[in-house]
């Protein structure tokens, strides 16, 4: 992966729907060469997929993001493997990272408000090896523009 590939990824992370011609112009490639690079990045796994970020509907609660730290009883390979296998079955978990530091895992959960989170919390507390769960609620994504108030 070179600097052009990293710039393509940076641009796609900002807006994955950006037209190929705009990306090509920004990185100094022809549209066909840029398209080939994007396809190679996808095939190599550097780009694993694309997603849609959904905001709150007008007048509704919409989806809420929770960041959850999970600490296991033990950090043996067996405990880690059992937890990782089980967490894949919990709906609403969008990302799960094995971490260094105080918690063993950080999860990003997307759910319908507090009631949806309560359900996921109950499921997480019953997963193998879970000793402690510490959660935070995301008030806003600071990298996204705030909607205008009418």
Protein backbone atom coordinates (compact mmCIF):
# COMPACT_ATOMS: atom_id res chain seq x y z
CA UNK A 1 0.00 0.00 0.00
CA UNK A 2 1.43 3.33 -1.02
CA UNK A 3 0.51 6.97 -0.39
CA UNK A 4 -2.06 7.02 -3.20
CA UNK A 5 -3.84 3.99 -1.73
CA UNK A 6 -3.86 5.61 1.71
CA UNK A 7 -5.31 8.81 0.23
CA UNK A 8 -8.01 6.84 -1.63
CA UNK A 9 -8.96 5.15 1.65
CA UNK A 10 -8.99 8.50 3.47
CA UNK A 11 -11.32 9.97 0.86
CA UNK A 12 -13.63 6.94 0.93
CA UNK A 13 -13.78 7.08 4.74
CA UNK A 14 -15.02 10.67 4.45
CA UNK A 15 -17.63 9.79 1.85
CA UNK A 16 -17.87 6.27 0.42
CA UNK A 17 -20.35 7.49 -2.21
CA UNK A 18 -17.90 10.00 -3.67
CA UNK A 19 -17.76 9.46 -7.43
CA UNK A 20 -14.72 7.62 -8.74
CA UNK A 21 -13.90 10.55 -11.04
CA UNK A 22 -13.60 12.90 -8.04
CA UNK A 23 -11.37 10.47 -6.16
CA UNK A 24 -9.20 9.99 -9.26
CA UNK A 25 -8.80 13.74 -9.71
CA UNK A 26 -7.94 14.23 -6.03
CA UNK A 27 -5.19 11.57 -6.09
CA UNK A 28 -3.87 12.39 -9.57
CA UNK A 29 -4.94 9.22 -11.39
CA UNK A 30 -7.12 8.48 -14.38
CA UNK A 31 -10.61 7.24 -13.43
CA UNK A 32 -9.85 3.73 -14.73
CA UNK A 33 -6.55 3.49 -12.78
CA UNK A 34 -8.31 4.74 -9.65
CA UNK A 35 -11.11 2.20 -10.09
CA UNK A 36 -8.54 -0.61 -10.46
CA UNK A 37 -6.82 0.48 -7.23
CA UNK A 38 -10.11 0.56 -5.32
CA UNK A 39 -10.95 -2.95 -6.57
CA UNK A 40 -7.48 -4.19 -5.48
CA UNK A 41 -7.95 -2.57 -2.05
CA UNK A 42 -11.27 -4.39 -1.73
CA UNK A 43 -9.82 -7.73 -2.88
CA UNK A 44 -6.86 -7.46 -0.49
CA UNK A 45 -9.15 -6.76 2.46
CA UNK A 46 -7.81 -3.24 3.05
CA UNK A 47 -11.37 -2.12 2.29
CA UNK A 48 -13.67 -4.66 3.94
CA UNK A 49 -16.97 -3.07 3.04
CA UNK A 50 -19.13 0.02 2.95
CA UNK A 51 -21.81 1.08 5.38
CA UNK A 52 -24.65 3.53 5.81
CA UNK A 53 -24.78 5.76 8.88
CA UNK A 54 -28.35 6.45 9.87
CA UNK A 55 -29.30 9.56 11.79
CA UNK A 56 -32.34 10.15 13.94
CA UNK A 57 -35.54 10.52 11.96
CA UNK A 58 -37.31 13.84 12.16
CA UNK A 59 -39.13 13.84 15.50
CA UNK A 60 -38.02 10.31 16.38
CA UNK A 61 -35.36 8.85 18.62
CA UNK A 62 -33.53 6.98 15.85
CA UNK A 63 -30.55 4.76 16.56
CA UNK A 64 -28.21 5.36 19.47
CA UNK A 65 -24.55 4.38 19.73
CA UNK A 66 -23.13 2.91 22.92
CA UNK A 67 -19.44 2.26 23.58
CA UNK A 68 -18.99 -0.70 25.87
CA UNK A 69 -15.89 -1.94 27.65
CA UNK A 70 -15.93 -5.63 28.57
CA UNK A 71 -13.51 -7.23 31.00
CA UNK A 72 -13.24 -11.01 31.13
CA UNK A 73 -12.53 -13.23 34.14
CA UNK A 74 -9.34 -14.42 32.47
CA UNK A 75 -7.35 -13.53 29.37
CA UNK A 76 -6.54 -17.07 28.25
CA UNK A 77 -6.87 -18.02 24.60
CA UNK A 78 -9.86 -20.20 25.47
CA UNK A 79 -11.71 -17.36 27.23
CA UNK A 80 -10.96 -14.89 24.41
CA UNK A 81 -12.05 -17.37 21.75
CA UNK A 82 -15.30 -18.31 23.53
CA UNK A 83 -16.21 -14.66 24.08
CA UNK A 84 -15.43 -13.67 20.47
CA UNK A 85 -17.50 -16.54 19.12
CA UNK A 86 -20.47 -15.69 21.35
CA UNK A 87 -20.36 -11.90 20.77
CA UNK A 88 -20.83 -12.45 17.02
CA UNK A 89 -24.36 -13.67 17.78
CA UNK A 90 -25.44 -10.54 19.69
CA UNK A 91 -27.54 -8.27 17.45
CA UNK A 92 -26.61 -4.61 17.31
CA UNK A 93 -22.88 -5.04 17.87
CA UNK A 94 -21.22 -3.22 14.99
CA UNK A 95 -17.57 -3.45 16.07
CA UNK A 96 -15.65 -5.51 18.61
CA UNK A 97 -11.97 -4.86 19.34
CA UNK A 98 -9.56 -6.84 21.53
CA UNK A 99 -7.72 -4.11 23.42
CA UNK A 100 -4.72 -3.39 25.57
CA UNK A 101 -5.24 -1.44 28.77
CA UNK A 102 -7.94 -1.71 31.43
CA UNK A 103 -10.67 -3.52 29.47
CA UNK A 104 -10.24 -6.63 27.33
CA UNK A 105 -12.74 -5.57 24.63
CA UNK A 106 -14.33 -2.39 23.31
CA UNK A 107 -17.65 -2.80 21.53
CA UNK A 108 -19.64 -0.31 19.50
CA UNK A 109 -23.32 -1.08 19.75
CA UNK A 110 -26.04 0.51 17.67
CA UNK A 111 -29.56 0.12 19.00
CA UNK A 112 -32.95 1.78 19.44
CA UNK A 113 -32.33 3.89 22.54
CA UNK A 114 -32.11 2.80 26.17
CA UNK A 115 -34.60 -0.07 25.89
CA UNK A 116 -32.60 -1.66 23.07
CA UNK A 117 -29.40 -1.16 25.01
CA UNK A 118 -30.89 -2.82 28.11
CA UNK A 119 -31.63 -5.93 26.06
CA UNK A 120 -28.09 -6.05 24.63
CA UNK A 121 -26.59 -5.45 28.11
CA UNK A 122 -28.51 -8.46 29.40
CA UNK A 123 -27.19 -10.62 26.56
CA UNK A 124 -23.61 -9.41 27.09
CA UNK A 125 -23.73 -10.11 30.83
CA UNK A 126 -24.51 -13.77 30.08
CA UNK A 127 -21.66 -14.30 27.60
CA UNK A 128 -18.89 -16.71 28.63
CA UNK A 129 -16.21 -15.23 30.87
CA UNK A 130 -17.69 -11.72 31.26
CA UNK A 131 -16.63 -10.23 34.60
CA UNK A 132 -17.45 -6.53 34.10
CA UNK A 133 -19.28 -4.28 31.65
CA UNK A 134 -18.77 -0.50 31.52
CA UNK A 135 -20.90 1.48 29.06
CA UNK A 136 -21.05 5.00 27.66
CA UNK A 137 -23.71 6.61 25.51
CA UNK A 138 -22.60 8.61 22.45
CA UNK A 139 -24.30 12.02 22.54
CA UNK A 140 -23.18 12.97 19.04
CA UNK A 141 -20.62 12.10 16.37
CA UNK A 142 -18.34 15.12 16.53
CA UNK A 143 -16.96 14.43 13.03
CA UNK A 144 -20.38 14.81 11.40
CA UNK A 145 -22.01 18.18 10.75
CA UNK A 146 -24.78 19.05 13.19
CA UNK A 147 -28.24 19.33 11.67
CA UNK A 148 -29.58 22.85 11.45
CA UNK A 149 -32.20 23.80 14.02
CA UNK A 150 -35.41 25.18 12.56
